Amino acid sequence: MGIWLRGAGLRLEVVRAHTGEPLPVRLGHRALVILGGGFLPWEDERAPWLPTVRCLTGQALQQGNPVLGICLGAQLLAHVAGGTVLSQYGTPEYGSVPIRLRAGARNDPLFSALPTATHAIERHVDVITELPPGALWLAESDHCPYQGFRVGEAAWGVQFHPEAVATGILRWDQEYLRARGYDPDQLYAQAMVHEPASATAWQEFAHRFAEIITFGRHT
């Protein structure tokens, strides 16, 4: 994702909060991208930077700054905006999964650039079970209804990983996957098959987000 956003002309401030790098207290005029992690949005004892991220997300929603939340980032956005997130709920998703657009995506600044169905890599056991009040439901998959949504005019959450590549699956815990009935080699092979088309789609998705940041092209 960073490569695509930089390629679209953005200057990124990357903060690796899990390593102790300090987060800004005020968002100002920045856009906000929140990536994934093995936590729930409120597990502050495990991830002590989460209160600051929630605060920055609230600032973005109040000010109308563009937001893109990915996996945990989407769950955190939903939580801050009044939705519901549950731990280890429903059917986990691992590997390349088809993401289907809903009718509401046709006029959305980001999702309208996508084909009707596009594969993306998933790795989650926690899910959003209720969208925030007034959120627009944009995408779904077979086992996870709330794959994509928008809060207000410029804050998007995606449960999937548009930035992930197939080779990343090789770094996952292979025994963990096998113990849960997944074949790691098969997950990798399937993701490799889907990657050429999906990478093209998600790069355009990232470029659309960059345009919104640069030119303010909201709905």
C-alpha atoms as a PDB file:
ATOM      1  CA  MET A   1       0.000   0.000   0.000  1.00  0.00           C
ATOM      2  CA  GLY A   2       2.815   2.405   0.861  1.00  0.00           C
ATOM      3  CA  ILE A   3       4.463   1.881  -2.525  1.00  0.00           C
ATOM      4  CA  TRP A   4       1.203   2.642  -4.318  1.00  0.00           C
ATOM      5  CA  LEU A   5       0.450   5.732  -2.235  1.00  0.00           C
ATOM      6  CA  ARG A   6       3.967   7.093  -2.704  1.00  0.00           C
ATOM      7  CA  GLY A   7       3.693   6.342  -6.410  1.00  0.00           C
ATOM      8  CA  ALA A   8       0.570   8.504  -6.468  1.00  0.00           C
ATOM      9  CA  GLY A   9       2.581  11.418  -5.090  1.00  0.00           C
ATOM     10  CA  LEU A  10       1.828  11.256  -1.361  1.00  0.00           C
ATOM     11  CA  ARG A  11       4.379  11.818   1.385  1.00  0.00           C
ATOM     12  CA  LEU A  12       3.914   9.191   4.083  1.00  0.00           C
ATOM     13  CA  GLU A  13       4.621   9.446   7.800  1.00  0.00           C
ATOM     14  CA  VAL A  14       4.919   5.813   8.871  1.00  0.00           C
ATOM     15  CA  VAL A  15       4.622   5.198  12.614  1.00  0.00           C
ATOM     16  CA  ARG A  16       5.397   1.679  13.876  1.00  0.00           C
ATOM     17  CA  ALA A  17       3.585   2.061  17.155  1.00  0.00           C
ATOM     18  CA  HIS A  18       4.160  -1.582  18.160  1.00  0.00           C
ATOM     19  CA  THR A  19       7.913  -0.861  18.320  1.00  0.00           C
ATOM     20  CA  GLY A  20       7.439   2.129  20.609  1.00  0.00           C
ATOM     21  CA  GLU A  21       7.531   4.870  17.983  1.00  0.00           C
ATOM     22  CA  PRO A  22       5.400   7.774  19.235  1.00  0.00           C
ATOM     23  CA  LEU A  23       2.138   8.634  17.542  1.00  0.00           C
ATOM     24  CA  PRO A  24       1.087  12.247  17.008  1.00  0.00           C
ATOM     25  CA  VAL A  25      -1.460  13.501  19.498  1.00  0.00           C
ATOM     26  CA  ARG A  26      -3.256  15.679  16.953  1.00  0.00           C
ATOM     27  CA  LEU A  27      -4.079  14.604  13.417  1.00  0.00           C
ATOM     28  CA  GLY A  28      -4.220  18.107  11.985  1.00  0.00           C
ATOM     29  CA  HIS A  29      -4.815  18.030   8.230  1.00  0.00           C
ATOM     30  CA  ARG A  30      -3.333  14.571   7.709  1.00  0.00           C
ATOM     31  CA  ALA A  31      -5.146  11.586   6.263  1.00  0.00           C
ATOM     32  CA  LEU A  32      -5.011   8.421   8.353  1.00  0.00           C
ATOM     33  CA  VAL A  33      -4.272   4.822   7.327  1.00  0.00           C
ATOM     34  CA  ILE A  34      -4.640   2.213  10.095  1.00  0.00           C
ATOM     35  CA  LEU A  35      -3.200  -1.218   9.384  1.00  0.00           C
ATOM     36  CA  GLY A  36      -3.827  -4.632  10.912  1.00  0.00           C
ATOM     37  CA  GLY A  37      -2.706  -6.354  14.086  1.00  0.00           C
ATOM     38  CA  GLY A  38      -3.527  -9.258  16.344  1.00  0.00           C
ATOM     39  CA  PHE A  39      -5.618  -7.246  18.787  1.00  0.00           C
ATOM     40  CA  LEU A  40      -9.149  -6.077  19.317  1.00  0.00           C
ATOM     41  CA  PRO A  41      -9.743  -2.304  19.088  1.00  0.00           C
ATOM     42  CA  TRP A  42      -9.977  -1.918  22.879  1.00  0.00           C
ATOM     43  CA  GLU A  43      -7.198  -4.268  24.065  1.00  0.00           C
ATOM     44  CA  ASP A  44      -5.118  -1.462  25.519  1.00  0.00           C
ATOM     45  CA  GLU A  45      -3.168  -3.690  27.905  1.00  0.00           C
ATOM     46  CA  ARG A  46      -1.825  -5.713  24.991  1.00  0.00           C
ATOM     47  CA  ALA A  47      -1.397  -2.725  22.699  1.00  0.00           C
ATOM     48  CA  PRO A  48      -0.937   0.470  24.740  1.00  0.00           C
ATOM     49  CA  TRP A  49      -0.934   2.685  21.627  1.00  0.00           C
ATOM     50  CA  LEU A  50      -4.568   1.872  20.839  1.00  0.00           C
ATOM     51  CA  PRO A  51      -6.104   4.744  22.875  1.00  0.00           C
ATOM     52  CA  THR A  52      -4.117   7.258  20.803  1.00  0.00           C
ATOM     53  CA  VAL A  53      -5.152   5.566  17.553  1.00  0.00           C
ATOM     54  CA  ARG A  54      -8.792   5.653  18.643  1.00  0.00           C
ATOM     55  CA  CYS A  55      -8.418   9.331  19.493  1.00  0.00           C
ATOM     56  CA  LEU A  56      -6.881  10.107  16.094  1.00  0.00           C
ATOM     57  CA  THR A  57      -9.669   8.173  14.397  1.00  0.00           C
ATOM     58  CA  GLY A  58     -12.259  10.190  16.286  1.00  0.00           C
ATOM     59  CA  GLN A  59     -10.539  13.400  15.240  1.00  0.00           C
ATOM     60  CA  ALA A  60     -10.570  12.286  11.603  1.00  0.00           C
ATOM     61  CA  LEU A  61     -14.271  11.501  11.715  1.00  0.00           C
ATOM     62  CA  GLN A  62     -15.076  14.819  13.349  1.00  0.00           C
ATOM     63  CA  GLN A  63     -12.929  16.845  10.951  1.00  0.00           C
ATOM     64  CA  GLY A  64     -13.677  14.896   7.768  1.00  0.00           C
ATOM     65  CA  ASN A  65     -10.075  13.790   7.188  1.00  0.00           C
ATOM     66  CA  PRO A  66      -9.729  10.809   4.828  1.00  0.00           C
ATOM     67  CA  VAL A  67      -9.324   7.480   6.646  1.00  0.00           C
ATOM     68  CA  LEU A  68      -8.548   3.969   5.426  1.00  0.00           C
ATOM     69  CA  GLY A  69      -8.739   1.236   8.069  1.00  0.00           C
ATOM     70  CA  ILE A  70      -7.457  -2.226   7.111  1.00  0.00           C
ATOM     71  CA  CYS A  71      -8.400  -5.381   9.088  1.00  0.00           C
ATOM     72  CA  LEU A  72      -7.877  -4.261  12.714  1.00  0.00           C
ATOM     73  CA  GLY A  73      -7.985  -0.727  11.326  1.00  0.00           C
ATOM     74  CA  ALA A  74     -11.482  -1.352   9.946  1.00  0.00           C
ATOM     75  CA  GLN A  75     -12.616  -2.874  13.234  1.00  0.00           C
ATOM     76  CA  LEU A  76     -11.208   0.103  15.125  1.00  0.00           C
ATOM     77  CA  LEU A  77     -12.981   2.531  12.793  1.00  0.00           C
ATOM     78  CA  ALA A  78     -16.250   0.661  13.257  1.00  0.00           C
ATOM     79  CA  HIS A  79     -15.791   0.583  17.043  1.00  0.00           C
ATOM     80  CA  VAL A  80     -15.028   4.304  17.314  1.00  0.00           C
ATOM     81  CA  ALA A  81     -17.987   5.211  15.094  1.00  0.00           C
ATOM     82  CA  GLY A  82     -20.458   3.136  17.129  1.00  0.00           C
ATOM     83  CA  GLY A  83     -20.423  -0.284  15.460  1.00  0.00           C
ATOM     84  CA  THR A  84     -19.908  -3.696  17.060  1.00  0.00           C
ATOM     85  CA  VAL A  85     -16.845  -5.948  16.848  1.00  0.00           C
ATOM     86  CA  LEU A  86     -16.736  -9.483  18.257  1.00  0.00           C
ATOM     87  CA  SER A  87     -13.740 -11.680  19.029  1.00  0.00           C
ATOM     88  CA  GLN A  88     -13.385 -15.066  17.288  1.00  0.00           C
ATOM     89  CA  TYR A  89     -16.868 -14.897  15.863  1.00  0.00           C
ATOM     90  CA  GLY A  90     -18.186 -16.725  12.819  1.00  0.00           C
ATOM     91  CA  THR A  91     -15.935 -18.432  10.271  1.00  0.00           C
ATOM     92  CA  PRO A  92     -12.267 -17.367  10.109  1.00  0.00           C
ATOM     93  CA  GLU A  93     -10.877 -16.377   6.722  1.00  0.00           C
ATOM     94  CA  TYR A  94      -7.354 -17.143   5.533  1.00  0.00           C
ATOM     95  CA  GLY A  95      -5.797 -16.733   2.113  1.00  0.00           C
ATOM     96  CA  SER A  96      -7.217 -15.284  -1.098  1.00  0.00           C
ATOM     97  CA  VAL A  97     -10.956 -14.620  -0.813  1.00  0.00           C
ATOM     98  CA  PRO A  98     -13.373 -13.140  -3.389  1.00  0.00           C
ATOM     99  CA  ILE A  99     -14.699  -9.759  -2.253  1.00  0.00           C
ATOM    100  CA  ARG A 100     -18.041  -8.893  -3.836  1.00  0.00           C
ATOM    101  CA  LEU A 101     -19.337  -5.370  -4.277  1.00  0.00           C
ATOM    102  CA  ARG A 102     -22.798  -4.428  -3.073  1.00  0.00           C
ATOM    103  CA  ALA A 103     -25.137  -2.033  -4.846  1.00  0.00           C
ATOM    104  CA  GLY A 104     -24.019   0.863  -2.650  1.00  0.00           C
ATOM    105  CA  ALA A 105     -20.490   0.614  -4.053  1.00  0.00           C
ATOM    106  CA  ARG A 106     -21.493   1.773  -7.535  1.00  0.00           C
ATOM    107  CA  ASN A 107     -21.214   5.457  -6.632  1.00  0.00           C
ATOM    108  CA  ASP A 108     -18.477   5.168  -4.016  1.00  0.00           C
ATOM    109  CA  PRO A 109     -15.235   7.065  -4.767  1.00  0.00           C
ATOM    110  CA  LEU A 110     -13.045   4.039  -3.920  1.00  0.00           C
ATOM    111  CA  PHE A 111     -15.084   0.918  -4.569  1.00  0.00           C
ATOM    112  CA  SER A 112     -16.625   2.047  -7.850  1.00  0.00           C
ATOM    113  CA  ALA A 113     -13.205   1.502  -9.447  1.00  0.00           C
ATOM    114  CA  LEU A 114     -13.342  -2.241  -8.740  1.00  0.00           C
ATOM    115  CA  PRO A 115     -14.761  -5.186 -10.674  1.00  0.00           C
ATOM    116  CA  THR A 116     -17.896  -6.791  -9.270  1.00  0.00           C
ATOM    117  CA  ALA A 117     -15.716  -9.366  -7.500  1.00  0.00           C
ATOM    118  CA  THR A 118     -12.009  -9.066  -6.675  1.00  0.00           C
ATOM    119  CA  HIS A 119      -9.837 -11.410  -4.635  1.00  0.00           C
ATOM    120  CA  ALA A 120      -7.977 -10.111  -1.600  1.00  0.00           C
ATOM    121  CA  ILE A 121      -5.915 -11.800   1.091  1.00  0.00           C
ATOM    122  CA  GLU A 122      -7.607 -12.349   4.440  1.00  0.00           C
ATOM    123  CA  ARG A 123      -6.266 -13.323   7.852  1.00  0.00           C
ATOM    124  CA  HIS A 124      -8.776 -12.764  10.628  1.00  0.00           C
ATOM    125  CA  VAL A 125     -10.851 -14.457  13.306  1.00  0.00           C
ATOM    126  CA  ASP A 126     -12.459 -11.306  14.744  1.00  0.00           C
ATOM    127  CA  VAL A 127     -15.233  -9.568  12.813  1.00  0.00           C
ATOM    128  CA  ILE A 128     -17.465  -6.544  12.636  1.00  0.00           C
ATOM    129  CA  THR A 129     -20.981  -7.770  13.389  1.00  0.00           C
ATOM    130  CA  GLU A 130     -22.802  -4.432  13.222  1.00  0.00           C
ATOM    131  CA  LEU A 131     -21.863  -1.380  11.184  1.00  0.00           C
ATOM    132  CA  PRO A 132     -21.877   2.081  12.757  1.00  0.00           C
ATOM    133  CA  PRO A 133     -25.123   4.044  12.478  1.00  0.00           C
ATOM    134  CA  GLY A 134     -25.461   5.558   9.027  1.00  0.00           C
ATOM    135  CA  ALA A 135     -22.509   3.657   7.546  1.00  0.00           C
ATOM    136  CA  LEU A 136     -22.718   2.615   3.909  1.00  0.00           C
ATOM    137  CA  TRP A 137     -22.237  -1.143   3.373  1.00  0.00           C
ATOM    138  CA  LEU A 138     -19.999  -1.605   0.321  1.00  0.00           C
ATOM    139  CA  ALA A 139     -18.612  -5.143   0.093  1.00  0.00           C
ATOM    140  CA  GLU A 140     -19.037  -8.668   1.436  1.00  0.00           C
ATOM    141  CA  SER A 141     -17.642 -12.221   1.210  1.00  0.00           C
ATOM    142  CA  ASP A 142     -19.158 -15.660   1.725  1.00  0.00           C
ATOM    143  CA  HIS A 143     -18.219 -15.857   5.413  1.00  0.00           C
ATOM    144  CA  CYS A 144     -17.895 -12.212   6.446  1.00  0.00           C
ATOM    145  CA  PRO A 145     -20.668  -9.770   5.514  1.00  0.00           C
ATOM    146  CA  TYR A 146     -18.951  -6.512   6.404  1.00  0.00           C
ATOM    147  CA  GLN A 147     -15.851  -6.610   4.215  1.00  0.00           C
ATOM    148  CA  GLY A 148     -16.084  -2.976   3.204  1.00  0.00           C
ATOM    149  CA  PHE A 149     -17.951   0.098   4.454  1.00  0.00           C
ATOM    150  CA  ARG A 150     -17.808   3.865   4.576  1.00  0.00           C
ATOM    151  CA  VAL A 151     -18.510   6.156   7.513  1.00  0.00           C
ATOM    152  CA  GLY A 152     -19.443   9.676   6.486  1.00  0.00           C
ATOM    153  CA  GLU A 153     -17.903  10.969   3.273  1.00  0.00           C
ATOM    154  CA  ALA A 154     -14.252  10.021   3.623  1.00  0.00           C
ATOM    155  CA  ALA A 155     -13.645   7.178   6.122  1.00  0.00           C
ATOM    156  CA  TRP A 156     -13.418   3.638   4.750  1.00  0.00           C
ATOM    157  CA  GLY A 157     -12.900   0.311   6.484  1.00  0.00           C
ATOM    158  CA  VAL A 158     -11.935  -2.960   4.794  1.00  0.00           C
ATOM    159  CA  GLN A 159     -11.686  -6.269   6.622  1.00  0.00           C
ATOM    160  CA  PHE A 160      -9.433  -7.693   3.901  1.00  0.00           C
ATOM    161  CA  HIS A 161      -5.815  -6.762   3.100  1.00  0.00           C
ATOM    162  CA  PRO A 162      -5.574  -4.923  -0.241  1.00  0.00           C
ATOM    163  CA  GLU A 163      -1.867  -4.372   0.412  1.00  0.00           C
ATOM    164  CA  ALA A 164      -0.970  -8.028   1.059  1.00  0.00           C
ATOM    165  CA  VAL A 165       0.870 -10.222  -1.477  1.00  0.00           C
ATOM    166  CA  ALA A 166       0.830 -13.981  -1.916  1.00  0.00           C
ATOM    167  CA  THR A 167       4.404 -14.469  -0.707  1.00  0.00           C
ATOM    168  CA  GLY A 168       3.378 -13.129   2.683  1.00  0.00           C
ATOM    169  CA  ILE A 169       1.427 -16.340   3.253  1.00  0.00           C
ATOM    170  CA  LEU A 170       4.748 -18.202   3.347  1.00  0.00           C
ATOM    171  CA  ARG A 171       5.596 -16.336   6.560  1.00  0.00           C
ATOM    172  CA  TRP A 172       2.418 -17.351   8.368  1.00  0.00           C
ATOM    173  CA  ASP A 173       2.538 -20.008  11.099  1.00  0.00           C
ATOM    174  CA  GLN A 174       2.202 -23.188   9.053  1.00  0.00           C
ATOM    175  CA  GLU A 175       1.355 -25.447  11.997  1.00  0.00           C
ATOM    176  CA  TYR A 176      -1.298 -23.023  13.184  1.00  0.00           C
ATOM    177  CA  LEU A 177      -2.964 -23.186   9.774  1.00  0.00           C
ATOM    178  CA  ARG A 178      -2.786 -26.985   9.520  1.00  0.00           C
ATOM    179  CA  ALA A 179      -4.251 -27.368  13.004  1.00  0.00           C
ATOM    180  CA  ARG A 180      -7.283 -25.414  11.796  1.00  0.00           C
ATOM    181  CA  GLY A 181      -7.768 -27.413   8.625  1.00  0.00           C
ATOM    182  CA  TYR A 182      -5.964 -25.178   6.137  1.00  0.00           C
ATOM    183  CA  ASP A 183      -3.309 -26.340   3.668  1.00  0.00           C
ATOM    184  CA  PRO A 184      -0.646 -23.573   3.589  1.00  0.00           C
ATOM    185  CA  ASP A 185       0.679 -24.670   0.195  1.00  0.00           C
ATOM    186  CA  GLN A 186      -2.800 -24.543  -1.278  1.00  0.00           C
ATOM    187  CA  LEU A 187      -3.467 -21.101   0.217  1.00  0.00           C
ATOM    188  CA  TYR A 188      -0.248 -19.818  -1.343  1.00  0.00           C
ATOM    189  CA  ALA A 189      -0.922 -21.407  -4.746  1.00  0.00           C
ATOM    190  CA  GLN A 190      -4.437 -19.984  -4.920  1.00  0.00           C
ATOM    191  CA  ALA A 191      -3.234 -16.509  -3.950  1.00  0.00           C
ATOM    192  CA  MET A 192      -0.557 -16.625  -6.665  1.00  0.00           C
ATOM    193  CA  VAL A 193      -3.193 -17.423  -9.284  1.00  0.00           C
ATOM    194  CA  HIS A 194      -5.357 -14.479  -8.231  1.00  0.00           C
ATOM    195  CA  GLU A 195      -2.584 -11.961  -7.606  1.00  0.00           C
ATOM    196  CA  PRO A 196      -2.092 -10.452 -11.107  1.00  0.00           C
ATOM    197  CA  ALA A 197      -5.714  -9.324 -11.367  1.00  0.00           C
ATOM    198  CA  SER A 198      -6.118  -8.417  -7.705  1.00  0.00           C
ATOM    199  CA  ALA A 199      -2.921  -6.342  -7.571  1.00  0.00           C
ATOM    200  CA  THR A 200      -4.126  -4.258 -10.506  1.00  0.00           C
ATOM    201  CA  ALA A 201      -7.486  -3.650  -8.839  1.00  0.00           C
ATOM    202  CA  TRP A 202      -6.067  -2.754  -5.427  1.00  0.00           C
ATOM    203  CA  GLN A 203      -3.443  -0.463  -6.901  1.00  0.00           C
ATOM    204  CA  GLU A 204      -6.229   1.514  -8.562  1.00  0.00           C
ATOM    205  CA  PHE A 205      -8.070   1.471  -5.223  1.00  0.00           C
ATOM    206  CA  ALA A 206      -5.005   2.981  -3.516  1.00  0.00           C
ATOM    207  CA  HIS A 207      -4.625   5.596  -6.239  1.00  0.00           C
ATOM    208  CA  ARG A 208      -8.267   6.582  -5.812  1.00  0.00           C
ATOM    209  CA  PHE A 209      -7.651   7.059  -2.092  1.00  0.00           C
ATOM    210  CA  ALA A 210      -4.623   9.208  -2.894  1.00  0.00           C
ATOM    211  CA  GLU A 211      -6.779  11.378  -5.192  1.00  0.00           C
ATOM    212  CA  ILE A 212      -9.270  11.891  -2.398  1.00  0.00           C
ATOM    213  CA  ILE A 213      -6.468  13.007  -0.106  1.00  0.00           C
ATOM    214  CA  THR A 214      -4.912  15.289  -2.719  1.00  0.00           C
ATOM    215  CA  PHE A 215      -7.962  16.746  -4.438  1.00  0.00           C
ATOM    216  CA  GLY A 216     -10.735  16.186  -1.932  1.00  0.00           C
ATOM    217  CA  ARG A 217     -12.843  14.107  -4.296  1.00  0.00           C
ATOM    218  CA  HIS A 218     -15.424  12.850  -1.832  1.00  0.00           C
ATOM    219  CA  THR A 219     -18.964  11.823  -2.652  1.00  0.00           C
END
